[in-house]
Amino acid sequence: MRITSLAMSKQTARPTVAPIVGPDDPRRFTDSGIEISELYAETDLPAELDLGQPGEFPYTRGVHREMYRKQLWTMRQYAGYASAKESNERYRYLLSKGSTGLSMAFDLPTQLGLDSDNPRCLGEVGRTGVAIDTIEDMRTAFDGIPLDQVSTSMTINAPATCLLALYELVGEEQGVPSEKLRGTTQNDVLKEYIARGNYIYPPGPTMRLTTDLFQYCAERVPRWNTISISGYHFREKGCSAVQEVAFTLSSGIAYVQAAIDRGLDVDAFAPRLAFFFNGHNNVFGEVAKFRAARRMWAHIMRDRFGATNEKAMMLRFHTQTGGVTLTAQQPENNIVRVALQGFAAVCGGTQSLHTNGFDEALALPTERAAKIALRTQQILAHESGAADTVDPFAGSYFVEALTDEIEERANELIAKVDELGGSVNAIEFITGEIDESAWGYQERYRTGQDIVVGVNAFQEEELEVPDLLRVDPESEREQVQRLKAFKADRDQALADRRLEELRAAARGDANLMPHIKQALKDRCSLGEVCGAMQDVFGSYAPTF
């Protein structure tokens, strides 16, 4: 493998970003600046292949011995829009078509812990996901869906404690014990500070809520994945594959350390940590990325944190195909992109997969687009051969060399984050690195060094616009009316008392999950609960 020359571009101080060399340069690079040789041979293999066996440390080849020969990955389709009722209809549709798990998308107000009737939310209610303000909304979203028979992933971060509490309450109403609930709360706010901006509280209180959820689930909801440590959004913002691995694992290190500082046993809580990665078009680079990340995490957990439980060393991850790779031009080309990305995720050993709808560069996916995306996964599972053997690219001169190079470069970045005091203290550095990579993507595209079919090459004059999903503006008014009726039909004195109890608990150091759950059970709204904690914790304002 070759690290690029320092004279090649302004990016060269960072050996994690592809150089800008123009379309006439014969060299080829991954997006992380790894130069690709014309031919790979045995001499390109690492001196020592740290592979092991599938299901054994360091899990390079997969976290299970038989992988998909025994059980296929969970096929999730990210879904949710407008009202809880409409989202429930989409969930049922996907399950009827063979989806094996639900992935719940929330609208922007819910992600920010705001009620739909908040003036700040005008025009955003139900737009990018489902609006969940109350226990009634959550009840409606899962009407007719037995929670002991489905695994649900909730893409929610700052208010993750609230959404898990609502889900648990609905399970109790269905007669499902908490120990039978299966799923994931994303619950990763570090990446919000860095890549998305959907935060509420400063990092300190946020880390407290994160570890509150760790502790609560260890005691009450043992099958729940308490966090999905996300590199997906770093990649969507423009980072390279190496940066995605490094910054995701750095976040994981911060969460593990916070939980240990809280007094939690690493061997007890770490098996329920999950990860969330992006799937891009370079099949070989993505396969290598997943393999390297798995191996790195195993060594981090054993060597840095002293984990002895094998499950505490396993990096289990969900993959979503790359939203940023989708094009509005010639949108049906996205079907091919998604298939390649899904293939890479499967060959890299993902535990669950979401495949994007081909129309998502234009709008939320239609039922037709969602079904094609799900059928893509089913074809991968049953027709491609990717599920027939474990770690199918193992031993490839190319893939093994890439795996080793990604690991080496990612470890260098993690060391830099450590030097700065960890992810919480390195937010500005991480953001700068991602911005540099995003600039590089744009320049390579602008110069024609990187080809995007249908966009900067092979264009067509006529714009193809498929039938799109359009959220009825009336649904926002109806959601606000339902919320007002909910608040009018409750014991207001009881609700006020629960919120004050939550504030009092927030001033101390007790686990807040029981107080959050009780307030939501007694008909406080999501916005009221998050607002009560914000009264104590304050708000986060970036300084860069």
Protein backbone atom coordinates (compact mmCIF):
# COMPACT_ATOMS: atom_id res chain seq x y z
CA MET A 1 0.00 0.00 0.00
CA ARG A 2 1.20 3.54 -0.69
CA ILE A 3 0.56 6.68 1.33
CA THR A 4 0.21 9.67 -0.97
CA SER A 5 2.96 12.24 -1.40
CA LEU A 6 2.80 15.33 0.80
CA ALA A 7 3.13 17.52 -2.29
CA MET A 8 -0.06 16.26 -3.88
CA SER A 9 -2.70 18.59 -2.39
CA LYS A 10 -3.63 20.74 0.56
CA GLN A 11 -5.13 17.59 2.14
CA THR A 12 -1.84 15.76 2.35
CA ALA A 13 -1.30 16.47 6.04
CA ARG A 14 -4.17 14.06 6.57
CA PRO A 15 -3.48 10.56 5.21
CA THR A 16 -7.18 9.75 5.55
CA VAL A 17 -8.52 11.73 2.56
CA ALA A 18 -8.04 11.08 -1.15
CA PRO A 19 -5.79 13.60 -2.91
CA ILE A 20 -7.05 15.78 -5.71
CA VAL A 21 -4.96 14.89 -8.74
CA GLY A 22 -7.36 15.44 -11.63
CA PRO A 23 -8.97 13.06 -14.11
CA ASP A 24 -5.86 12.51 -16.24
CA ASP A 25 -3.73 11.08 -13.44
CA PRO A 26 -3.53 7.29 -13.89
CA ARG A 27 -3.37 6.59 -10.17
CA ARG A 28 -6.46 5.38 -8.28
CA PHE A 29 -7.29 6.08 -4.64
CA THR A 30 -9.92 5.14 -2.13
CA ASP A 31 -11.73 8.06 -0.52
CA SER A 32 -9.32 7.64 2.41
CA GLY A 33 -6.24 8.36 0.29
CA ILE A 34 -5.11 4.73 0.00
CA GLU A 35 -3.49 4.32 -3.40
CA ILE A 36 -4.79 1.27 -5.25
CA SER A 37 -2.22 -0.86 -7.05
CA GLU A 38 -2.86 -2.12 -10.55
CA LEU A 39 -2.38 -5.68 -9.33
CA TYR A 40 -2.20 -7.29 -5.89
CA ALA A 41 -0.11 -10.33 -5.04
CA GLU A 42 0.89 -12.36 -2.01
CA THR A 43 3.62 -9.83 -1.23
CA ASP A 44 0.92 -7.20 -0.55
CA LEU A 45 -0.54 -9.20 2.33
CA PRO A 46 0.23 -8.04 5.88
CA ALA A 47 3.17 -9.85 7.48
CA GLU A 48 0.74 -11.37 9.99
CA LEU A 49 -2.91 -11.89 9.14
CA ASP A 50 -4.82 -11.28 12.36
CA LEU A 51 -7.89 -13.22 11.24
CA GLY A 52 -8.81 -15.95 13.68
CA GLN A 53 -12.00 -17.88 13.07
CA PRO A 54 -15.52 -16.50 12.70
CA GLY A 55 -17.08 -16.08 16.12
CA GLU A 56 -13.68 -15.90 17.80
CA PHE A 57 -11.40 -13.06 18.84
CA PRO A 58 -10.59 -10.71 17.09
CA TYR A 59 -13.76 -11.31 15.05
CA THR A 60 -12.22 -10.10 11.78
CA ARG A 61 -14.20 -12.76 9.97
CA GLY A 62 -17.51 -12.16 11.73
CA VAL A 63 -19.09 -12.27 15.17
CA HIS A 64 -20.83 -15.63 14.64
CA ARG A 65 -19.28 -18.93 13.63
CA GLU A 66 -21.81 -19.75 10.94
CA MET A 67 -22.97 -16.20 10.14
CA TYR A 68 -25.80 -16.23 7.55
CA ARG A 69 -25.71 -20.00 7.09
CA LYS A 70 -27.48 -20.15 10.45
CA GLN A 71 -29.49 -16.91 10.41
CA LEU A 72 -29.80 -14.10 7.90
CA TRP A 73 -29.27 -10.49 8.89
CA THR A 74 -32.31 -8.54 10.08
CA MET A 75 -33.92 -6.77 7.13
CA ARG A 76 -35.05 -3.36 8.35
CA GLN A 77 -36.58 -0.59 6.31
CA TYR A 78 -36.33 2.87 7.84
CA ALA A 79 -39.88 4.17 7.88
CA GLY A 80 -42.13 6.72 9.48
CA TYR A 81 -43.86 9.88 8.33
CA ALA A 82 -46.77 12.18 9.12
CA SER A 83 -48.93 10.68 11.87
CA ALA A 84 -48.57 7.58 13.99
CA LYS A 85 -51.52 6.08 12.14
CA GLU A 86 -49.94 6.50 8.70
CA SER A 87 -46.62 5.18 9.97
CA ASN A 88 -48.36 2.16 11.47
CA GLU A 89 -49.80 1.41 8.04
CA ARG A 90 -46.31 1.55 6.48
CA TYR A 91 -44.88 -0.72 9.21
CA ARG A 92 -47.60 -3.29 8.60
CA TYR A 93 -47.03 -3.06 4.85
CA LEU A 94 -43.30 -3.73 5.21
CA LEU A 95 -43.86 -6.64 7.58
CA SER A 96 -46.35 -8.14 5.14
CA LYS A 97 -43.71 -7.98 2.39
CA GLY A 98 -41.13 -9.88 4.42
CA SER A 99 -39.31 -7.25 6.46
CA THR A 100 -37.92 -8.90 9.60
CA GLY A 101 -37.50 -5.79 11.74
CA LEU A 102 -38.80 -2.24 12.04
CA SER A 103 -36.70 0.91 11.87
CA MET A 104 -38.54 3.92 13.21
CA ALA A 105 -37.91 7.37 11.73
CA PHE A 106 -38.94 10.40 13.80
CA ASP A 107 -39.70 13.90 12.63
CA LEU A 108 -37.40 16.79 13.48
CA PRO A 109 -39.46 18.12 16.43
CA THR A 110 -39.43 14.69 18.11
CA GLN A 111 -35.67 14.41 17.56
CA LEU A 112 -35.24 17.77 19.30
CA GLY A 113 -37.53 16.88 22.20
CA LEU A 114 -40.18 19.38 21.15
CA ASP A 115 -43.95 18.97 21.08
CA SER A 116 -45.73 19.41 17.78
CA ASP A 117 -47.56 22.49 19.09
CA ASN A 118 -44.30 24.33 19.77
CA PRO A 119 -44.11 27.43 17.50
CA ARG A 120 -40.60 26.39 16.45
CA CYS A 121 -42.04 23.28 14.81
CA LEU A 122 -44.32 24.94 12.29
CA GLY A 123 -43.94 23.19 8.93
CA GLU A 124 -41.76 20.37 10.29
CA VAL A 125 -44.30 18.12 12.00
CA GLY A 126 -44.35 14.70 10.35
CA ARG A 127 -42.06 15.76 7.50
CA THR A 128 -38.93 13.64 7.93
CA GLY A 129 -40.50 10.97 10.11
CA VAL A 130 -43.36 10.28 12.48
CA ALA A 131 -44.44 12.75 15.15
CA ILE A 132 -44.45 11.14 18.61
CA ASP A 133 -45.63 13.52 21.31
CA THR A 134 -47.42 11.23 23.74
CA ILE A 135 -48.11 7.71 24.90
CA GLU A 136 -51.17 7.74 22.64
CA ASP A 137 -49.00 8.36 19.58
CA MET A 138 -46.70 5.46 20.45
CA ARG A 139 -49.70 3.24 21.12
CA THR A 140 -51.12 4.07 17.68
CA ALA A 141 -47.78 3.56 15.92
CA PHE A 142 -47.63 -0.05 17.13
CA ASP A 143 -51.31 -0.88 17.01
CA GLY A 144 -51.70 -4.51 15.98
CA ILE A 145 -47.93 -5.15 16.03
CA PRO A 146 -47.02 -7.54 18.89
CA LEU A 147 -43.87 -6.14 20.47
CA ASP A 148 -42.69 -9.57 21.60
CA GLN A 149 -42.53 -10.69 17.96
CA VAL A 150 -40.67 -7.82 16.32
CA SER A 151 -37.33 -6.07 16.75
CA THR A 152 -37.61 -2.28 16.58
CA SER A 153 -34.77 0.14 15.92
CA MET A 154 -35.51 3.73 16.90
CA THR A 155 -33.37 6.42 15.32
CA ILE A 156 -33.57 8.79 18.25
CA ASN A 157 -30.77 10.39 20.23
CA ALA A 158 -31.19 13.31 22.62
CA PRO A 159 -34.69 12.11 23.75
CA ALA A 160 -33.79 8.40 23.55
CA THR A 161 -34.70 7.78 27.20
CA CYS A 162 -38.20 9.11 26.56
CA LEU A 163 -38.86 7.02 23.46
CA LEU A 164 -37.65 3.83 25.11
CA ALA A 165 -39.90 4.56 28.09
CA LEU A 166 -42.88 5.05 25.77
CA TYR A 167 -42.08 1.81 23.93
CA GLU A 168 -41.82 -0.06 27.21
CA LEU A 169 -45.17 1.37 28.36
CA VAL A 170 -46.85 0.21 25.15
CA GLY A 171 -45.31 -3.23 25.66
CA GLU A 172 -46.75 -3.36 29.17
CA GLU A 173 -50.19 -2.45 27.79
CA GLN A 174 -49.86 -5.36 25.34
CA GLY A 175 -48.88 -7.67 28.19
CA VAL A 176 -45.30 -8.02 26.94
CA PRO A 177 -42.72 -8.18 29.75
CA SER A 178 -39.84 -5.74 29.37
CA GLU A 179 -37.34 -8.59 29.28
CA LYS A 180 -38.89 -9.75 25.99
CA LEU A 181 -38.55 -6.41 24.19
CA ARG A 182 -35.94 -6.45 21.41
CA GLY A 183 -34.53 -3.52 19.52
CA THR A 184 -32.20 -0.54 19.61
CA THR A 185 -32.26 3.10 20.57
CA GLN A 186 -29.62 5.02 18.65
CA ASN A 187 -28.89 7.13 21.76
CA ASP A 188 -25.63 8.54 20.28
CA VAL A 189 -25.55 12.28 20.84
CA LEU A 190 -21.82 12.74 20.33
CA LYS A 191 -22.37 12.40 16.59
CA GLU A 192 -25.14 15.02 16.87
CA TYR A 193 -22.65 17.58 18.16
CA ILE A 194 -20.29 16.67 15.32
CA ALA A 195 -22.42 15.88 12.28
CA ARG A 196 -26.15 16.57 12.62
CA GLY A 197 -26.99 19.21 15.23
CA ASN A 198 -30.05 17.51 16.78
CA TYR A 199 -28.95 17.90 20.39
CA ILE A 200 -30.68 19.37 23.44
CA TYR A 201 -28.42 19.33 26.49
CA PRO A 202 -24.67 19.92 26.97
CA PRO A 203 -22.38 16.86 26.71
CA GLY A 204 -22.13 16.22 30.46
CA PRO A 205 -25.86 15.72 31.14
CA THR A 206 -26.21 13.96 27.81
CA MET A 207 -23.60 11.36 28.78
CA ARG A 208 -25.44 10.95 32.08
CA LEU A 209 -28.70 10.15 30.28
CA THR A 210 -26.87 7.76 27.97
CA THR A 211 -25.46 5.78 30.88
CA ASP A 212 -28.80 5.98 32.71
CA LEU A 213 -30.26 4.07 29.79
CA PHE A 214 -27.37 1.57 29.87
CA GLN A 215 -27.98 0.86 33.54
CA TYR A 216 -31.77 0.77 33.29
CA CYS A 217 -31.79 -1.70 30.39
CA ALA A 218 -29.22 -3.96 32.05
CA GLU A 219 -31.67 -4.29 34.95
CA ARG A 220 -35.06 -4.21 33.16
CA VAL A 221 -34.73 -4.60 29.36
CA PRO A 222 -31.79 -7.01 28.95
CA ARG A 223 -32.35 -7.79 25.26
CA TRP A 224 -32.34 -4.13 24.25
CA ASN A 225 -29.33 -2.62 22.43
CA THR A 226 -28.80 0.49 24.52
CA ILE A 227 -26.91 2.50 21.93
CA SER A 228 -26.15 2.41 18.22
CA ILE A 229 -22.80 4.18 18.02
CA SER A 230 -23.06 5.87 14.70
CA GLY A 231 -20.55 6.56 11.97
CA TYR A 232 -23.32 6.77 9.40
CA HIS A 233 -23.85 10.48 9.88
CA PHE A 234 -20.13 11.25 9.80
CA ARG A 235 -20.03 9.65 6.35
CA GLU A 236 -23.16 11.49 5.27
CA LYS A 237 -21.47 14.76 6.24
CA GLY A 238 -18.52 13.86 4.04
CA CYS A 239 -15.92 11.87 5.97
CA SER A 240 -13.84 9.12 4.40
CA ALA A 241 -14.04 5.42 5.26
CA VAL A 242 -10.99 5.61 7.55
CA GLN A 243 -12.42 8.64 9.34
CA GLU A 244 -15.75 6.86 9.72
CA VAL A 245 -14.07 3.95 11.49
CA ALA A 246 -11.82 6.12 13.66
CA PHE A 247 -14.40 8.63 14.82
CA THR A 248 -17.09 5.99 15.40
CA LEU A 249 -14.81 3.87 17.55
CA SER A 250 -13.61 7.00 19.38
CA SER A 251 -17.24 7.72 20.28
CA GLY A 252 -17.55 4.13 21.44
CA ILE A 253 -14.50 4.57 23.66
CA ALA A 254 -16.05 7.68 25.21
CA TYR A 255 -19.34 5.90 25.98
CA VAL A 256 -17.61 2.87 27.45
CA GLN A 257 -15.42 5.05 29.65
CA ALA A 258 -18.44 7.06 30.82
CA ALA A 259 -20.26 3.87 31.78
CA ILE A 260 -17.23 2.52 33.64
CA ASP A 261 -16.86 5.85 35.46
CA ARG A 262 -20.51 5.46 36.45
CA GLY A 263 -19.60 2.18 38.13
CA LEU A 264 -21.03 -0.18 35.51
CA ASP A 265 -19.33 -3.50 34.77
CA VAL A 266 -17.88 -3.49 31.25
CA ASP A 267 -18.58 -7.20 30.81
CA ALA A 268 -22.21 -6.60 31.75
CA PHE A 269 -23.13 -3.54 29.67
CA ALA A 270 -20.80 -3.80 26.65
CA PRO A 271 -22.56 -6.81 25.04
CA ARG A 272 -25.58 -4.56 24.38
CA LEU A 273 -23.58 -1.89 22.54
CA ALA A 274 -24.28 -1.78 18.83
CA PHE A 275 -22.80 0.21 15.96
CA PHE A 276 -24.22 1.86 12.86
CA PHE A 277 -22.20 2.25 9.68
CA ASN A 278 -22.73 3.71 6.23
CA GLY A 279 -22.54 1.63 3.08
CA HIS A 280 -20.88 3.26 0.05
CA ASN A 281 -20.30 2.19 -3.54
CA ASN A 282 -16.71 0.92 -3.36
CA VAL A 283 -17.48 -2.69 -2.53
CA PHE A 284 -13.94 -3.73 -1.67
CA GLY A 285 -13.20 -0.68 0.46
CA GLU A 286 -16.43 -1.12 2.39
CA VAL A 287 -15.88 -4.83 3.03
CA ALA A 288 -12.40 -4.01 4.31
CA LYS A 289 -13.80 -1.20 6.47
CA PHE A 290 -16.25 -3.46 8.25
CA ARG A 291 -13.63 -6.15 8.84
CA ALA A 292 -11.09 -3.64 10.18
CA ALA A 293 -13.62 -2.02 12.51
CA ARG A 294 -14.57 -5.37 14.00
CA ARG A 295 -10.95 -6.30 14.67
CA MET A 296 -10.09 -2.90 16.11
CA TRP A 297 -13.02 -2.90 18.52
CA ALA A 298 -12.14 -6.36 19.82
CA HIS A 299 -8.64 -5.18 20.67
CA ILE A 300 -9.93 -1.92 22.19
CA MET A 301 -12.34 -3.73 24.49
CA ARG A 302 -9.86 -6.38 25.58
CA ASP A 303 -6.64 -4.39 25.74
CA ARG A 304 -7.87 -0.94 26.79
CA PHE A 305 -10.88 -1.77 28.95
CA GLY A 306 -10.00 -5.24 30.19
CA ALA A 307 -13.16 -6.93 28.96
CA THR A 308 -13.16 -10.69 29.43
CA ASN A 309 -16.69 -11.49 28.23
CA GLU A 310 -16.40 -12.49 24.58
CA LYS A 311 -19.67 -10.75 23.75
CA ALA A 312 -18.29 -7.52 25.20
CA MET A 313 -15.56 -7.58 22.54
CA MET A 314 -17.87 -8.14 19.57
CA LEU A 315 -18.66 -5.25 17.28
CA ARG A 316 -22.22 -5.89 16.13
CA PHE A 317 -23.48 -3.38 13.60
CA HIS A 318 -26.35 -2.18 11.48
CA THR A 319 -25.70 -0.81 8.01
CA GLN A 320 -27.71 1.69 6.03
CA THR A 321 -26.87 2.29 2.41
CA GLY A 322 -25.46 5.74 1.73
CA GLY A 323 -28.07 8.44 1.46
CA VAL A 324 -25.48 10.93 0.26
CA THR A 325 -24.66 8.69 -2.71
CA LEU A 326 -28.22 8.88 -4.06
CA THR A 327 -28.80 11.21 -6.99
CA ALA A 328 -31.85 13.19 -7.97
CA GLN A 329 -30.75 12.84 -11.60
CA GLN A 330 -31.72 9.51 -13.16
CA PRO A 331 -33.04 8.25 -9.80
CA GLU A 332 -33.50 4.66 -10.96
CA ASN A 333 -29.69 4.40 -11.12
CA ASN A 334 -29.88 4.44 -7.33
CA ILE A 335 -31.32 0.93 -7.37
CA VAL A 336 -27.96 -0.32 -8.64
CA ARG A 337 -26.02 1.77 -6.13
CA VAL A 338 -28.10 0.44 -3.26
CA ALA A 339 -27.63 -3.15 -4.43
CA LEU A 340 -23.83 -2.72 -4.51
CA GLN A 341 -23.80 -1.11 -1.08
CA GLY A 342 -26.02 -3.80 0.39
CA PHE A 343 -23.80 -6.49 -1.15
CA ALA A 344 -20.74 -4.93 0.49
CA ALA A 345 -22.50 -4.78 3.87
CA VAL A 346 -23.48 -8.43 3.67
CA CYS A 347 -20.02 -9.55 2.55
CA GLY A 348 -18.63 -7.46 5.40
CA GLY A 349 -20.78 -9.28 7.97
CA THR A 350 -23.51 -6.82 8.98
CA GLN A 351 -26.11 -7.89 11.56
CA SER A 352 -28.92 -5.82 10.08
CA LEU A 353 -29.39 -3.78 6.95
CA HIS A 354 -31.52 -0.95 5.65
CA THR A 355 -31.55 -0.38 1.90
CA ASN A 356 -32.58 3.09 0.74
CA GLY A 357 -35.43 3.78 -1.63
CA PHE A 358 -34.30 4.90 -5.07
CA ASP A 359 -36.36 8.11 -4.78
CA GLU A 360 -34.92 9.32 -1.46
CA ALA A 361 -32.84 12.08 -3.03
CA LEU A 362 -36.19 13.67 -3.84
CA ALA A 363 -38.58 12.74 -1.02
CA LEU A 364 -39.45 10.13 1.57
CA PRO A 365 -39.75 6.74 -0.16
CA THR A 366 -43.01 5.67 -1.71
CA GLU A 367 -44.39 2.21 -1.02
CA ARG A 368 -43.08 1.09 -4.42
CA ALA A 369 -39.57 2.35 -3.69
CA ALA A 370 -39.59 0.80 -0.22
CA LYS A 371 -40.67 -2.56 -1.65
CA ILE A 372 -37.92 -2.50 -4.30
CA ALA A 373 -35.40 -1.73 -1.56
CA LEU A 374 -36.63 -4.63 0.54
CA ARG A 375 -36.66 -6.96 -2.47
CA THR A 376 -33.03 -5.94 -3.05
CA GLN A 377 -32.13 -7.37 0.35
CA GLN A 378 -34.08 -10.53 -0.34
CA ILE A 379 -32.29 -11.04 -3.66
CA LEU A 380 -28.95 -10.53 -1.89
CA ALA A 381 -29.95 -13.12 0.68
CA HIS A 382 -31.31 -15.78 -1.63
CA GLU A 383 -29.82 -15.26 -5.10
CA SER A 384 -26.41 -13.55 -4.88
CA GLY A 385 -24.50 -16.29 -3.06
CA ALA A 386 -23.15 -13.74 -0.57
CA ALA A 387 -24.85 -15.55 2.31
CA ASP A 388 -23.60 -18.99 1.38
CA THR A 389 -20.20 -18.79 3.07
CA VAL A 390 -18.67 -16.83 5.94
CA ASP A 391 -16.41 -13.86 5.11
CA PRO A 392 -16.32 -14.53 1.35
CA PHE A 393 -13.52 -12.01 0.61
CA ALA A 394 -11.12 -13.41 3.22
CA GLY A 395 -7.68 -14.13 1.80
CA SER A 396 -8.10 -11.73 -1.11
CA TYR A 397 -4.76 -9.99 -1.55
CA PHE A 398 -6.61 -6.74 -2.24
CA VAL A 399 -9.14 -6.91 0.59
CA GLU A 400 -6.69 -8.09 3.23
CA ALA A 401 -4.24 -5.32 2.29
CA LEU A 402 -7.05 -2.74 2.45
CA THR A 403 -8.28 -4.09 5.79
CA ASP A 404 -4.82 -3.73 7.29
CA GLU A 405 -4.27 -0.25 5.85
CA ILE A 406 -7.64 1.03 7.08
CA GLU A 407 -6.91 -0.31 10.55
CA GLU A 408 -3.48 1.33 10.67
CA ARG A 409 -4.71 4.73 9.54
CA ALA A 410 -7.80 4.64 11.75
CA ASN A 411 -5.68 3.80 14.79
CA GLU A 412 -3.53 6.86 14.08
CA LEU A 413 -6.65 9.05 14.11
CA ILE A 414 -7.94 7.47 17.32
CA ALA A 415 -4.57 8.24 18.94
CA LYS A 416 -5.00 11.88 17.94
CA VAL A 417 -8.49 12.00 19.47
CA ASP A 418 -7.10 10.40 22.64
CA GLU A 419 -4.35 13.02 22.73
CA LEU A 420 -7.01 15.74 22.69
CA GLY A 421 -8.84 14.16 25.63
CA GLY A 422 -11.36 11.92 23.86
CA SER A 423 -14.33 12.56 21.59
CA VAL A 424 -16.14 14.92 23.97
CA ASN A 425 -13.12 17.25 23.95
CA ALA A 426 -12.18 16.69 20.31
CA ILE A 427 -15.44 17.76 18.68
CA GLU A 428 -13.84 20.72 16.89
CA PHE A 429 -10.94 18.59 15.60
CA ILE A 430 -13.26 15.84 14.33
CA THR A 431 -15.53 18.38 12.64
CA GLY A 432 -12.55 19.97 10.92
CA GLU A 433 -11.32 16.62 9.64
CA ILE A 434 -14.73 15.76 8.23
CA ASP A 435 -15.06 19.19 6.60
CA GLU A 436 -11.68 18.70 4.90
CA SER A 437 -12.80 15.35 3.54
CA ALA A 438 -16.13 16.75 2.34
CA TRP A 439 -14.28 19.53 0.50
CA GLY A 440 -12.12 16.88 -1.16
CA TYR A 441 -15.17 14.93 -2.34
CA GLN A 442 -16.58 18.07 -3.92
CA GLU A 443 -13.31 18.98 -5.65
CA ARG A 444 -12.77 15.50 -7.04
CA TYR A 445 -16.30 15.52 -8.38
CA ARG A 446 -15.96 19.05 -9.78
CA THR A 447 -12.78 18.23 -11.66
CA GLY A 448 -14.12 14.95 -13.02
CA GLN A 449 -11.58 12.89 -11.10
CA ASP A 450 -14.51 11.02 -9.53
CA ILE A 451 -17.39 10.08 -11.81
CA VAL A 452 -21.00 10.10 -10.62
CA VAL A 453 -23.07 8.51 -13.36
CA GLY A 454 -25.86 10.77 -14.52
CA VAL A 455 -24.50 13.80 -12.67
CA ASN A 456 -21.07 14.78 -13.99
CA ALA A 457 -20.97 12.15 -16.73
CA PHE A 458 -23.55 10.33 -18.87
CA GLN A 459 -26.10 13.07 -18.26
CA GLU A 460 -29.50 13.24 -19.89
CA GLU A 461 -31.28 16.42 -20.86
CA GLU A 462 -34.72 15.38 -19.64
CA LEU A 463 -35.16 15.23 -15.88
CA GLU A 464 -36.76 12.02 -14.62
CA VAL A 465 -39.17 12.67 -11.73
CA PRO A 466 -40.87 9.53 -10.38
CA ASP A 467 -44.10 9.59 -8.44
CA LEU A 468 -43.19 10.96 -5.01
CA LEU A 469 -44.59 10.58 -1.52
CA ARG A 470 -46.07 13.89 -0.43
CA VAL A 471 -47.02 14.49 3.20
CA ASP A 472 -50.42 16.17 3.44
CA PRO A 473 -49.98 19.53 5.23
CA GLU A 474 -53.28 18.81 6.97
CA SER A 475 -51.60 16.04 8.95
CA GLU A 476 -49.66 18.65 10.94
CA ARG A 477 -52.80 20.48 11.99
CA GLU A 478 -54.42 17.19 12.98
CA GLN A 479 -51.38 16.20 15.07
CA VAL A 480 -51.45 19.51 16.92
CA GLN A 481 -55.17 19.10 17.60
CA ARG A 482 -54.63 15.59 18.96
CA LEU A 483 -51.92 16.88 21.25
CA LYS A 484 -54.09 19.70 22.58
CA ALA A 485 -56.93 17.25 23.25
CA PHE A 486 -54.48 14.91 25.03
CA LYS A 487 -53.27 17.69 27.33
CA ALA A 488 -56.81 18.82 28.06
CA ASP A 489 -57.88 15.29 29.04
CA ARG A 490 -55.51 14.63 31.95
CA ASP A 491 -54.99 15.32 35.62
CA GLN A 492 -52.96 18.51 35.22
CA ALA A 493 -51.94 18.65 38.87
CA LEU A 494 -50.55 15.10 38.63
CA ALA A 495 -48.67 15.96 35.43
CA ASP A 496 -47.17 19.06 37.04
CA ARG A 497 -46.11 17.05 40.07
CA ARG A 498 -44.40 14.41 37.92
CA LEU A 499 -42.47 17.08 36.02
CA GLU A 500 -41.32 18.70 39.26
CA GLU A 501 -40.22 15.29 40.57
CA LEU A 502 -38.21 14.85 37.40
CA ARG A 503 -36.53 18.24 37.85
CA ALA A 504 -35.65 17.35 41.43
CA ALA A 505 -34.16 14.03 40.34
CA ALA A 506 -32.17 15.78 37.60
CA ARG A 507 -30.58 18.01 40.24
CA GLY A 508 -29.28 14.88 41.97
CA ASP A 509 -27.47 11.88 40.60
CA ALA A 510 -30.18 9.18 40.58
CA ASN A 511 -31.05 7.28 37.41
CA LEU A 512 -33.66 9.39 35.61
CA MET A 513 -35.29 6.60 33.60
CA PRO A 514 -37.91 5.65 36.24
CA HIS A 515 -38.91 9.32 36.65
CA ILE A 516 -39.12 9.83 32.87
CA LYS A 517 -41.24 6.74 32.46
CA GLN A 518 -43.60 7.70 35.29
CA ALA A 519 -44.11 11.19 33.88
CA LEU A 520 -44.92 9.84 30.42
CA LYS A 521 -47.24 7.22 31.90
CA ASP A 522 -49.13 9.94 33.76
CA ARG A 523 -49.73 11.75 30.48
CA CYS A 524 -46.92 14.26 30.33
CA SER A 525 -45.81 14.93 26.77
CA LEU A 526 -42.38 14.35 25.25
CA GLY A 527 -41.75 18.07 25.02
CA GLU A 528 -42.72 18.63 28.63
CA VAL A 529 -40.43 15.86 29.89
CA CYS A 530 -37.44 17.04 27.81
CA GLY A 531 -38.21 20.63 28.79
CA ALA A 532 -38.20 19.77 32.50
CA MET A 533 -34.72 18.26 32.18
CA GLN A 534 -33.60 21.22 30.10
CA ASP A 535 -34.67 23.51 32.94
CA VAL A 536 -31.97 21.83 35.04
CA PHE A 537 -29.33 20.86 32.47
CA GLY A 538 -29.50 23.88 30.19
CA SER A 539 -28.94 23.80 26.42
CA TYR A 540 -25.91 23.10 24.28
CA ALA A 541 -24.50 25.91 22.15
CA PRO A 542 -21.50 25.12 19.92
CA THR A 543 -18.44 27.34 20.30
CA PHE A 544 -16.99 26.85 16.81
